[in-house]
Amino acid sequence: MRFIRSTREYHEVYAEHERRHGTLFLFLRRRTEDSEERAVGIVVSRKVGKAVRRNKVKRRVKAYLREHPEQLPLGKLVIIAKESSGISDWAGIAKDLGRNLQAFEE
């Protein structure tokens, strides 16, 4: 698993993707030719809250992905935090991520 860092990669996913709506996150996945690539990008806008709250959401998503790398689907995935993710607890974030990441499996 690697993290998406470049704007170009984010735009590739935005241009062509499968979409899945969760209660706290929006998931965009782009299949790639590389059959083993697993890349993830996390987007948390100012709608979620101030910097402390946004960073907390990002840390929780990264922690979940590190604990459950097998749930990450193949390809490039962008996870976009919805406004309600800023007030959610760890259990809510883990539940939403787990349910929606499993739905991407073939």
PDB file of N, CA and C in Angstrom:
ATOM      1  N   MET A   1       0.845  -1.182   0.000  1.00  0.00           N
ATOM      2  CA  MET A   1       0.000   0.000   0.000  1.00  0.00           C
ATOM      3  C   MET A   1       0.886   1.241   0.000  1.00  0.00           C
ATOM      4  N   ARG A   2       0.507   2.172  -0.845  1.00  0.00           N
ATOM      5  CA  ARG A   2       1.213   3.452  -0.840  1.00  0.00           C
ATOM      6  C   ARG A   2       0.173   4.568  -0.864  1.00  0.00           C
ATOM      7  N   PHE A   3       0.608   5.764  -0.498  1.00  0.00           N
ATOM      8  CA  PHE A   3      -0.298   6.908  -0.483  1.00  0.00           C
ATOM      9  C   PHE A   3      -0.105   7.742  -1.746  1.00  0.00           C
ATOM     10  N   ILE A   4      -1.199   8.195  -2.298  1.00  0.00           N
ATOM     11  CA  ILE A   4      -1.166   9.075  -3.467  1.00  0.00           C
ATOM     12  C   ILE A   4      -0.710  10.445  -3.000  1.00  0.00           C
ATOM     13  N   ARG A   5       0.286  10.995  -3.666  1.00  0.00           N
ATOM     14  CA  ARG A   5       0.840  12.287  -3.266  1.00  0.00           C
ATOM     15  C   ARG A   5       0.691  13.361  -4.353  1.00  0.00           C
ATOM     16  N   SER A   6       0.671  12.950  -5.610  1.00  0.00           N
ATOM     17  CA  SER A   6       0.697  13.943  -6.678  1.00  0.00           C
ATOM     18  C   SER A   6      -0.707  14.349  -7.135  1.00  0.00           C
ATOM     19  N   THR A   7      -0.823  15.580  -7.539  1.00  0.00           N
ATOM     20  CA  THR A   7      -2.087  16.109  -8.060  1.00  0.00           C
ATOM     21  C   THR A   7      -2.501  15.350  -9.314  1.00  0.00           C
ATOM     22  N   ARG A   8      -1.523  14.965 -10.123  1.00  0.00           N
ATOM     23  CA  ARG A   8      -1.808  14.229 -11.352  1.00  0.00           C
ATOM     24  C   ARG A   8      -2.542  12.924 -11.049  1.00  0.00           C
ATOM     25  N   GLU A   9      -2.093  12.202 -10.031  1.00  0.00           N
ATOM     26  CA  GLU A   9      -2.745  10.937  -9.683  1.00  0.00           C
ATOM     27  C   GLU A   9      -4.169  11.155  -9.175  1.00  0.00           C
ATOM     28  N   TYR A  10      -4.362  12.199  -8.386  1.00  0.00           N
ATOM     29  CA  TYR A  10      -5.718  12.513  -7.918  1.00  0.00           C
ATOM     30  C   TYR A  10      -6.626  12.804  -9.115  1.00  0.00           C
ATOM     31  N   HIS A  11      -6.132  13.588 -10.071  1.00  0.00           N
ATOM     32  CA  HIS A  11      -6.942  13.927 -11.242  1.00  0.00           C
ATOM     33  C   HIS A  11      -7.247  12.705 -12.103  1.00  0.00           C
ATOM     34  N   GLU A  12      -6.332  11.751 -12.163  1.00  0.00           N
ATOM     35  CA  GLU A  12      -6.601  10.510 -12.887  1.00  0.00           C
ATOM     36  C   GLU A  12      -7.797   9.779 -12.281  1.00  0.00           C
ATOM     37  N   VAL A  13      -7.836   9.721 -10.960  1.00  0.00           N
ATOM     38  CA  VAL A  13      -8.954   9.044 -10.283  1.00  0.00           C
ATOM     39  C   VAL A  13     -10.243   9.826 -10.466  1.00  0.00           C
ATOM     40  N   TYR A  14     -10.183  11.156 -10.348  1.00  0.00           N
ATOM     41  CA  TYR A  14     -11.387  11.976 -10.515  1.00  0.00           C
ATOM     42  C   TYR A  14     -11.958  11.843 -11.925  1.00  0.00           C
ATOM     43  N   ALA A  15     -11.092  11.675 -12.928  1.00  0.00           N
ATOM     44  CA  ALA A  15     -11.538  11.624 -14.318  1.00  0.00           C
ATOM     45  C   ALA A  15     -12.265  10.321 -14.644  1.00  0.00           C
ATOM     46  N   GLU A  16     -11.807   9.215 -14.101  1.00  0.00           N
ATOM     47  CA  GLU A  16     -12.384   7.907 -14.421  1.00  0.00           C
ATOM     48  C   GLU A  16     -12.411   7.063 -13.151  1.00  0.00           C
ATOM     49  N   HIS A  17     -13.602   6.808 -12.627  1.00  0.00           N
ATOM     50  CA  HIS A  17     -13.684   6.109 -11.351  1.00  0.00           C
ATOM     51  C   HIS A  17     -15.011   5.377 -11.168  1.00  0.00           C
ATOM     52  N   GLU A  18     -14.995   4.446 -10.207  1.00  0.00           N
ATOM     53  CA  GLU A  18     -16.214   3.855  -9.658  1.00  0.00           C
ATOM     54  C   GLU A  18     -16.474   4.612  -8.368  1.00  0.00           C
ATOM     55  N   ARG A  19     -17.737   4.865  -8.068  1.00  0.00           N
ATOM     56  CA  ARG A  19     -18.068   5.681  -6.906  1.00  0.00           C
ATOM     57  C   ARG A  19     -18.884   4.864  -5.909  1.00  0.00           C
ATOM     58  N   ARG A  20     -18.623   5.101  -4.642  1.00  0.00           N
ATOM     59  CA  ARG A  20     -19.412   4.483  -3.577  1.00  0.00           C
ATOM     60  C   ARG A  20     -19.601   5.508  -2.468  1.00  0.00           C
ATOM     61  N   HIS A  21     -20.857   5.665  -2.044  1.00  0.00           N
ATOM     62  CA  HIS A  21     -21.183   6.626  -0.984  1.00  0.00           C
ATOM     63  C   HIS A  21     -21.339   5.906   0.347  1.00  0.00           C
ATOM     64  N   GLY A  22     -20.600   6.371   1.348  1.00  0.00           N
ATOM     65  CA  GLY A  22     -20.771   5.890   2.712  1.00  0.00           C
ATOM     66  C   GLY A  22     -21.444   6.980   3.528  1.00  0.00           C
ATOM     67  N   THR A  23     -21.661   6.722   4.792  1.00  0.00           N
ATOM     68  CA  THR A  23     -22.279   7.740   5.635  1.00  0.00           C
ATOM     69  C   THR A  23     -21.299   8.847   5.996  1.00  0.00           C
ATOM     70  N   LEU A  24     -20.006   8.509   6.103  1.00  0.00           N
ATOM     71  CA  LEU A  24     -18.993   9.492   6.498  1.00  0.00           C
ATOM     72  C   LEU A  24     -17.999   9.831   5.399  1.00  0.00           C
ATOM     73  N   PHE A  25     -17.928   8.973   4.370  1.00  0.00           N
ATOM     74  CA  PHE A  25     -16.923   9.146   3.325  1.00  0.00           C
ATOM     75  C   PHE A  25     -17.510   8.862   1.952  1.00  0.00           C
ATOM     76  N   LEU A  26     -16.875   9.449   0.941  1.00  0.00           N
ATOM     77  CA  LEU A  26     -17.149   9.138  -0.457  1.00  0.00           C
ATOM     78  C   LEU A  26     -15.899   8.431  -0.978  1.00  0.00           C
ATOM     79  N   PHE A  27     -16.099   7.307  -1.669  1.00  0.00           N
ATOM     80  CA  PHE A  27     -14.986   6.490  -2.147  1.00  0.00           C
ATOM     81  C   PHE A  27     -14.969   6.502  -3.667  1.00  0.00           C
ATOM     82  N   LEU A  28     -13.817   6.836  -4.244  1.00  0.00           N
ATOM     83  CA  LEU A  28     -13.627   6.812  -5.698  1.00  0.00           C
ATOM     84  C   LEU A  28     -12.485   5.852  -5.996  1.00  0.00           C
ATOM     85  N   ARG A  29     -12.761   4.861  -6.854  1.00  0.00           N
ATOM     86  CA  ARG A  29     -11.712   3.889  -7.190  1.00  0.00           C
ATOM     87  C   ARG A  29     -11.499   3.847  -8.684  1.00  0.00           C
ATOM     88  N   ARG A  30     -10.250   3.824  -9.071  1.00  0.00           N
ATOM     89  CA  ARG A  30      -9.869   3.676 -10.480  1.00  0.00           C
ATOM     90  C   ARG A  30      -9.053   2.412 -10.602  1.00  0.00           C
ATOM     91  N   ARG A  31      -9.503   1.520 -11.451  1.00  0.00           N
ATOM     92  CA  ARG A  31      -8.737   0.293 -11.699  1.00  0.00           C
ATOM     93  C   ARG A  31      -7.512   0.650 -12.534  1.00  0.00           C
ATOM     94  N   THR A  32      -6.426  -0.051 -12.282  1.00  0.00           N
ATOM     95  CA  THR A  32      -5.187   0.201 -13.022  1.00  0.00           C
ATOM     96  C   THR A  32      -4.740  -1.070 -13.727  1.00  0.00           C
ATOM     97  N   GLU A  33      -3.842  -0.900 -14.675  1.00  0.00           N
ATOM     98  CA  GLU A  33      -3.312  -2.047 -15.413  1.00  0.00           C
ATOM     99  C   GLU A  33      -2.430  -2.908 -14.518  1.00  0.00           C
ATOM    100  N   ASP A  34      -1.762  -2.268 -13.572  1.00  0.00           N
ATOM    101  CA  ASP A  34      -0.898  -3.001 -12.644  1.00  0.00           C
ATOM    102  C   ASP A  34      -1.789  -3.797 -11.696  1.00  0.00           C
ATOM    103  N   SER A  35      -1.757  -5.107 -11.805  1.00  0.00           N
ATOM    104  CA  SER A  35      -2.696  -5.957 -11.077  1.00  0.00           C
ATOM    105  C   SER A  35      -2.471  -5.969  -9.567  1.00  0.00           C
ATOM    106  N   GLU A  36      -1.323  -5.545  -9.106  1.00  0.00           N
ATOM    107  CA  GLU A  36      -1.035  -5.597  -7.673  1.00  0.00           C
ATOM    108  C   GLU A  36      -0.964  -4.221  -7.008  1.00  0.00           C
ATOM    109  N   GLU A  37      -1.223  -3.160  -7.747  1.00  0.00           N
ATOM    110  CA  GLU A  37      -1.086  -1.820  -7.175  1.00  0.00           C
ATOM    111  C   GLU A  37      -2.239  -1.509  -6.230  1.00  0.00           C
ATOM    112  N   ARG A  38      -1.888  -1.002  -5.061  1.00  0.00           N
ATOM    113  CA  ARG A  38      -2.863  -0.524  -4.089  1.00  0.00           C
ATOM    114  C   ARG A  38      -2.383   0.847  -3.613  1.00  0.00           C
ATOM    115  N   ALA A  39      -3.062   1.885  -4.071  1.00  0.00           N
ATOM    116  CA  ALA A  39      -2.692   3.247  -3.700  1.00  0.00           C
ATOM    117  C   ALA A  39      -3.925   3.944  -3.148  1.00  0.00           C
ATOM    118  N   VAL A  40      -3.735   4.776  -2.138  1.00  0.00           N
ATOM    119  CA  VAL A  40      -4.862   5.463  -1.516  1.00  0.00           C
ATOM    120  C   VAL A  40      -4.504   6.932  -1.281  1.00  0.00           C
ATOM    121  N   GLY A  41      -5.495   7.790  -1.496  1.00  0.00           N
ATOM    122  CA  GLY A  41      -5.368   9.209  -1.201  1.00  0.00           C
ATOM    123  C   GLY A  41      -6.519   9.609  -0.295  1.00  0.00           C
ATOM    124  N   ILE A  42      -6.252  10.506   0.631  1.00  0.00           N
ATOM    125  CA  ILE A  42      -7.271  10.941   1.589  1.00  0.00           C
ATOM    126  C   ILE A  42      -7.464  12.437   1.415  1.00  0.00           C
ATOM    127  N   VAL A  43      -8.727  12.843   1.240  1.00  0.00           N
ATOM    128  CA  VAL A  43      -9.055  14.252   1.057  1.00  0.00           C
ATOM    129  C   VAL A  43     -10.005  14.662   2.174  1.00  0.00           C
ATOM    130  N   VAL A  44      -9.604  15.680   2.944  1.00  0.00           N
ATOM    131  CA  VAL A  44     -10.441  16.197   4.022  1.00  0.00           C
ATOM    132  C   VAL A  44     -10.489  17.708   3.861  1.00  0.00           C
ATOM    133  N   SER A  45     -11.636  18.224   3.451  1.00  0.00           N
ATOM    134  CA  SER A  45     -11.758  19.652   3.180  1.00  0.00           C
ATOM    135  C   SER A  45     -12.076  20.448   4.452  1.00  0.00           C
ATOM    136  N   ARG A  46     -12.090  21.753   4.312  1.00  0.00           N
ATOM    137  CA  ARG A  46     -12.380  22.625   5.448  1.00  0.00           C
ATOM    138  C   ARG A  46     -13.820  22.519   5.928  1.00  0.00           C
ATOM    139  N   LYS A  47     -14.680  21.882   5.143  1.00  0.00           N
ATOM    140  CA  LYS A  47     -16.058  21.657   5.585  1.00  0.00           C
ATOM    141  C   LYS A  47     -16.095  20.773   6.832  1.00  0.00           C
ATOM    142  N   VAL A  48     -15.090  19.923   6.969  1.00  0.00           N
ATOM    143  CA  VAL A  48     -15.042  18.986   8.095  1.00  0.00           C
ATOM    144  C   VAL A  48     -14.747  19.720   9.398  1.00  0.00           C
ATOM    145  N   GLY A  49     -13.957  20.761   9.348  1.00  0.00           N
ATOM    146  CA  GLY A  49     -13.626  21.518  10.558  1.00  0.00           C
ATOM    147  C   GLY A  49     -12.277  22.192  10.416  1.00  0.00           C
ATOM    148  N   LYS A  50     -11.821  22.691  11.549  1.00  0.00           N
ATOM    149  CA  LYS A  50     -10.514  23.340  11.564  1.00  0.00           C
ATOM    150  C   LYS A  50      -9.410  22.294  11.436  1.00  0.00           C
ATOM    151  N   ALA A  51      -8.164  22.754  11.350  1.00  0.00           N
ATOM    152  CA  ALA A  51      -7.030  21.877  11.046  1.00  0.00           C
ATOM    153  C   ALA A  51      -6.899  20.706  12.013  1.00  0.00           C
ATOM    154  N   VAL A  52      -7.131  20.928  13.292  1.00  0.00           N
ATOM    155  CA  VAL A  52      -6.991  19.853  14.279  1.00  0.00           C
ATOM    156  C   VAL A  52      -7.972  18.726  13.980  1.00  0.00           C
ATOM    157  N   ARG A  53      -9.205  19.085  13.682  1.00  0.00           N
ATOM    158  CA  ARG A  53     -10.234  18.085  13.385  1.00  0.00           C
ATOM    159  C   ARG A  53      -9.947  17.376  12.058  1.00  0.00           C
ATOM    160  N   ARG A  54      -9.533  18.122  11.044  1.00  0.00           N
ATOM    161  CA  ARG A  54      -9.214  17.508   9.745  1.00  0.00           C
ATOM    162  C   ARG A  54      -8.063  16.511   9.882  1.00  0.00           C
ATOM    163  N   ASN A  55      -7.023  16.897  10.614  1.00  0.00           N
ATOM    164  CA  ASN A  55      -5.874  16.004  10.806  1.00  0.00           C
ATOM    165  C   ASN A  55      -6.262  14.761  11.595  1.00  0.00           C
ATOM    166  N   LYS A  56      -7.174  14.920  12.541  1.00  0.00           N
ATOM    167  CA  LYS A  56      -7.632  13.772  13.334  1.00  0.00           C
ATOM    168  C   LYS A  56      -8.344  12.758  12.439  1.00  0.00           C
ATOM    169  N   VAL A  57      -9.181  13.254  11.530  1.00  0.00           N
ATOM    170  CA  VAL A  57      -9.879  12.361  10.602  1.00  0.00           C
ATOM    171  C   VAL A  57      -8.862  11.639   9.721  1.00  0.00           C
ATOM    172  N   LYS A  58      -7.877  12.362   9.182  1.00  0.00           N
ATOM    173  CA  LYS A  58      -6.852  11.742   8.333  1.00  0.00           C
ATOM    174  C   LYS A  58      -6.051  10.686   9.102  1.00  0.00           C
ATOM    175  N   ARG A  59      -5.685  11.000  10.339  1.00  0.00           N
ATOM    176  CA  ARG A  59      -4.933  10.032  11.156  1.00  0.00           C
ATOM    177  C   ARG A  59      -5.749   8.771  11.403  1.00  0.00           C
ATOM    178  N   ARG A  60      -7.044   8.934  11.661  1.00  0.00           N
ATOM    179  CA  ARG A  60      -7.896   7.767  11.922  1.00  0.00           C
ATOM    180  C   ARG A  60      -8.059   6.904  10.672  1.00  0.00           C
ATOM    181  N   VAL A  61      -8.202   7.538   9.520  1.00  0.00           N
ATOM    182  CA  VAL A  61      -8.326   6.768   8.277  1.00  0.00           C
ATOM    183  C   VAL A  61      -7.020   6.013   8.008  1.00  0.00           C
ATOM    184  N   LYS A  62      -5.881   6.683   8.154  1.00  0.00           N
ATOM    185  CA  LYS A  62      -4.590   6.029   7.935  1.00  0.00           C
ATOM    186  C   LYS A  62      -4.378   4.881   8.918  1.00  0.00           C
ATOM    187  N   ALA A  63      -4.769   5.082  10.167  1.00  0.00           N
ATOM    188  CA  ALA A  63      -4.625   4.017  11.171  1.00  0.00           C
ATOM    189  C   ALA A  63      -5.477   2.815  10.799  1.00  0.00           C
ATOM    190  N   TYR A  64      -6.689   3.049  10.339  1.00  0.00           N
ATOM    191  CA  TYR A  64      -7.556   1.939   9.935  1.00  0.00           C
ATOM    192  C   TYR A  64      -6.931   1.177   8.766  1.00  0.00           C
ATOM    193  N   LEU A  65      -6.431   1.902   7.785  1.00  0.00           N
ATOM    194  CA  LEU A  65      -5.841   1.258   6.610  1.00  0.00           C
ATOM    195  C   LEU A  65      -4.585   0.471   6.971  1.00  0.00           C
ATOM    196  N   ARG A  66      -3.817   0.938   7.932  1.00  0.00           N
ATOM    197  CA  ARG A  66      -2.627   0.200   8.362  1.00  0.00           C
ATOM    198  C   ARG A  66      -3.004  -1.063   9.138  1.00  0.00           C
ATOM    199  N   GLU A  67      -4.103  -1.013   9.885  1.00  0.00           N
ATOM    200  CA  GLU A  67      -4.561  -2.187  10.634  1.00  0.00           C
ATOM    201  C   GLU A  67      -5.209  -3.226   9.722  1.00  0.00           C
ATOM    202  N   HIS A  68      -5.822  -2.782   8.628  1.00  0.00           N
ATOM    203  CA  HIS A  68      -6.570  -3.673   7.735  1.00  0.00           C
ATOM    204  C   HIS A  68      -6.128  -3.497   6.275  1.00  0.00           C
ATOM    205  N   PRO A  69      -4.866  -3.746   5.954  1.00  0.00           N
ATOM    206  CA  PRO A  69      -4.408  -3.529   4.569  1.00  0.00           C
ATOM    207  C   PRO A  69      -5.061  -4.481   3.572  1.00  0.00           C
ATOM    208  N   GLU A  70      -5.546  -5.614   4.035  1.00  0.00           N
ATOM    209  CA  GLU A  70      -6.175  -6.586   3.135  1.00  0.00           C
ATOM    210  C   GLU A  70      -7.514  -6.085   2.595  1.00  0.00           C
ATOM    211  N   GLN A  71      -8.129  -5.125   3.248  1.00  0.00           N
ATOM    212  CA  GLN A  71      -9.417  -4.602   2.783  1.00  0.00           C
ATOM    213  C   GLN A  71      -9.283  -3.565   1.684  1.00  0.00           C
ATOM    214  N   LEU A  72      -8.074  -3.071   1.486  1.00  0.00           N
ATOM    215  CA  LEU A  72      -7.855  -2.048   0.462  1.00  0.00           C
ATOM    216  C   LEU A  72      -7.998  -2.680  -0.922  1.00  0.00           C
ATOM    217  N   PRO A  73      -8.897  -2.150  -1.765  1.00  0.00           N
ATOM    218  CA  PRO A  73      -9.092  -2.755  -3.091  1.00  0.00           C
ATOM    219  C   PRO A  73      -7.913  -2.474  -4.017  1.00  0.00           C
ATOM    220  N   LEU A  74      -7.797  -3.294  -5.058  1.00  0.00           N
ATOM    221  CA  LEU A  74      -6.756  -3.087  -6.053  1.00  0.00           C
ATOM    222  C   LEU A  74      -7.051  -1.819  -6.841  1.00  0.00           C
ATOM    223  N   GLY A  75      -6.003  -1.128  -7.249  1.00  0.00           N
ATOM    224  CA  GLY A  75      -6.154   0.101  -8.009  1.00  0.00           C
ATOM    225  C   GLY A  75      -5.877   1.320  -7.143  1.00  0.00           C
ATOM    226  N   LYS A  76      -6.321   2.460  -7.634  1.00  0.00           N
ATOM    227  CA  LYS A  76      -6.130   3.720  -6.907  1.00  0.00           C
ATOM    228  C   LYS A  76      -7.455   4.108  -6.276  1.00  0.00           C
ATOM    229  N   LEU A  77      -7.418   4.432  -5.005  1.00  0.00           N
ATOM    230  CA  LEU A  77      -8.610   4.771  -4.243  1.00  0.00           C
ATOM    231  C   LEU A  77      -8.431   6.145  -3.623  1.00  0.00           C
ATOM    232  N   VAL A  78      -9.440   6.994  -3.775  1.00  0.00           N
ATOM    233  CA  VAL A  78      -9.451   8.290  -3.106  1.00  0.00           C
ATOM    234  C   VAL A  78     -10.623   8.279  -2.126  1.00  0.00           C
ATOM    235  N   ILE A  79     -10.327   8.569  -0.870  1.00  0.00           N
ATOM    236  CA  ILE A  79     -11.344   8.627   0.170  1.00  0.00           C
ATOM    237  C   ILE A  79     -11.567  10.096   0.500  1.00  0.00           C
ATOM    238  N   ILE A  80     -12.797  10.568   0.278  1.00  0.00           N
ATOM    239  CA  ILE A  80     -13.144  11.968   0.525  1.00  0.00           C
ATOM    240  C   ILE A  80     -14.031  12.023   1.756  1.00  0.00           C
ATOM    241  N   ALA A  81     -13.593  12.759   2.756  1.00  0.00           N
ATOM    242  CA  ALA A  81     -14.340  12.860   4.005  1.00  0.00           C
ATOM    243  C   ALA A  81     -15.538  13.789   3.835  1.00  0.00           C
ATOM    244  N   LYS A  82     -16.682  13.334   4.331  1.00  0.00           N
ATOM    245  CA  LYS A  82     -17.871  14.187   4.359  1.00  0.00           C
ATOM    246  C   LYS A  82     -17.844  15.008   5.642  1.00  0.00           C
ATOM    247  N   GLU A  83     -18.681  16.022   5.686  1.00  0.00           N
ATOM    248  CA  GLU A  83     -18.706  16.940   6.820  1.00  0.00           C
ATOM    249  C   GLU A  83     -18.930  16.219   8.148  1.00  0.00           C
ATOM    250  N   SER A  84     -19.775  15.200   8.153  1.00  0.00           N
ATOM    251  CA  SER A  84     -20.113  14.489   9.387  1.00  0.00           C
ATOM    252  C   SER A  84     -18.960  13.655   9.934  1.00  0.00           C
ATOM    253  N   SER A  85     -17.930  13.407   9.148  1.00  0.00           N
ATOM    254  CA  SER A  85     -16.801  12.603   9.629  1.00  0.00           C
ATOM    255  C   SER A  85     -16.027  13.328  10.724  1.00  0.00           C
ATOM    256  N   GLY A  86     -16.092  14.640  10.750  1.00  0.00           N
ATOM    257  CA  GLY A  86     -15.366  15.412  11.747  1.00  0.00           C
ATOM    258  C   GLY A  86     -15.889  15.241  13.158  1.00  0.00           C
ATOM    259  N   ILE A  87     -17.147  14.871  13.308  1.00  0.00           N
ATOM    260  CA  ILE A  87     -17.727  14.698  14.646  1.00  0.00           C
ATOM    261  C   ILE A  87     -17.923  13.231  15.005  1.00  0.00           C
ATOM    262  N   SER A  88     -17.515  12.346  14.128  1.00  0.00           N
ATOM    263  CA  SER A  88     -17.674  10.917  14.367  1.00  0.00           C
ATOM    264  C   SER A  88     -16.539  10.380  15.236  1.00  0.00           C
ATOM    265  N   ASP A  89     -16.838   9.323  15.976  1.00  0.00           N
ATOM    266  CA  ASP A  89     -15.817   8.685  16.801  1.00  0.00           C
ATOM    267  C   ASP A  89     -15.103   7.593  16.005  1.00  0.00           C
ATOM    268  N   TRP A  90     -14.118   6.970  16.640  1.00  0.00           N
ATOM    269  CA  TRP A  90     -13.317   5.948  15.983  1.00  0.00           C
ATOM    270  C   TRP A  90     -14.179   4.787  15.495  1.00  0.00           C
ATOM    271  N   ALA A  91     -15.121   4.338  16.308  1.00  0.00           N
ATOM    272  CA  ALA A  91     -15.957   3.192  15.942  1.00  0.00           C
ATOM    273  C   ALA A  91     -16.785   3.488  14.697  1.00  0.00           C
ATOM    274  N   GLY A  92     -17.314   4.696  14.590  1.00  0.00           N
ATOM    275  CA  GLY A  92     -18.098   5.074  13.416  1.00  0.00           C
ATOM    276  C   GLY A  92     -17.261   5.132  12.156  1.00  0.00           C
ATOM    277  N   ILE A  93     -16.067   5.671  12.273  1.00  0.00           N
ATOM    278  CA  ILE A  93     -15.172   5.746  11.120  1.00  0.00           C
ATOM    279  C   ILE A  93     -14.753   4.345  10.681  1.00  0.00           C
ATOM    280  N   ALA A  94     -14.390   3.496  11.638  1.00  0.00           N
ATOM    281  CA  ALA A  94     -13.975   2.131  11.307  1.00  0.00           C
ATOM    282  C   ALA A  94     -15.116   1.351  10.664  1.00  0.00           C
ATOM    283  N   LYS A  95     -16.317   1.524  11.161  1.00  0.00           N
ATOM    284  CA  LYS A  95     -17.483   0.810  10.610  1.00  0.00           C
ATOM    285  C   LYS A  95     -17.742   1.232   9.165  1.00  0.00           C
ATOM    286  N   ASP A  96     -17.731   2.533   8.912  1.00  0.00           N
ATOM    287  CA  ASP A  96     -18.003   3.035   7.558  1.00  0.00           C
ATOM    288  C   ASP A  96     -16.907   2.614   6.582  1.00  0.00           C
ATOM    289  N   LEU A  97     -15.648   2.711   6.992  1.00  0.00           N
ATOM    290  CA  LEU A  97     -14.541   2.297   6.119  1.00  0.00           C
ATOM    291  C   LEU A  97     -14.621   0.805   5.827  1.00  0.00           C
ATOM    292  N   GLY A  98     -14.823   0.000   6.845  1.00  0.00           N
ATOM    293  CA  GLY A  98     -14.876  -1.448   6.658  1.00  0.00           C
ATOM    294  C   GLY A  98     -15.995  -1.881   5.720  1.00  0.00           C
ATOM    295  N   ARG A  99     -17.167  -1.338   5.925  1.00  0.00           N
ATOM    296  CA  ARG A  99     -18.320  -1.716   5.106  1.00  0.00           C
ATOM    297  C   ARG A  99     -18.101  -1.339   3.644  1.00  0.00           C
ATOM    298  N   ASN A 100     -17.599  -0.159   3.399  1.00  0.00           N
ATOM    299  CA  ASN A 100     -17.479   0.321   2.008  1.00  0.00           C
ATOM    300  C   ASN A 100     -16.249  -0.215   1.288  1.00  0.00           C
ATOM    301  N   LEU A 101     -15.161  -0.470   1.985  1.00  0.00           N
ATOM    302  CA  LEU A 101     -13.988  -1.044   1.329  1.00  0.00           C
ATOM    303  C   LEU A 101     -14.253  -2.478   0.905  1.00  0.00           C
ATOM    304  N   GLN A 102     -14.998  -3.220   1.699  1.00  0.00           N
ATOM    305  CA  GLN A 102     -15.346  -4.610   1.331  1.00  0.00           C
ATOM    306  C   GLN A 102     -16.266  -4.649   0.136  1.00  0.00           C
ATOM    307  N   ALA A 103     -17.071  -3.618  -0.064  1.00  0.00           N
ATOM    308  CA  ALA A 103     -18.013  -3.594  -1.189  1.00  0.00           C
ATOM    309  C   ALA A 103     -17.288  -3.468  -2.539  1.00  0.00           C
ATOM    310  N   PHE A 104     -16.043  -2.990  -2.541  1.00  0.00           N
ATOM    311  CA  PHE A 104     -15.289  -2.848  -3.777  1.00  0.00           C
ATOM    312  C   PHE A 104     -14.679  -4.158  -4.246  1.00  0.00           C
ATOM    313  N   GLU A 105     -14.654  -5.164  -3.412  1.00  0.00           N
ATOM    314  CA  GLU A 105     -14.022  -6.421  -3.797  1.00  0.00           C
ATOM    315  C   GLU A 105     -14.777  -7.070  -4.948  1.00  0.00           C
ATOM    316  N   GLU A 106     -14.032  -7.699  -5.824  1.00  0.00           N
ATOM    317  CA  GLU A 106     -14.623  -8.330  -7.009  1.00  0.00           C
ATOM    318  C   GLU A 106     -15.402  -9.562  -6.634  1.00  0.00           C
TER     319      GLU A 106
END
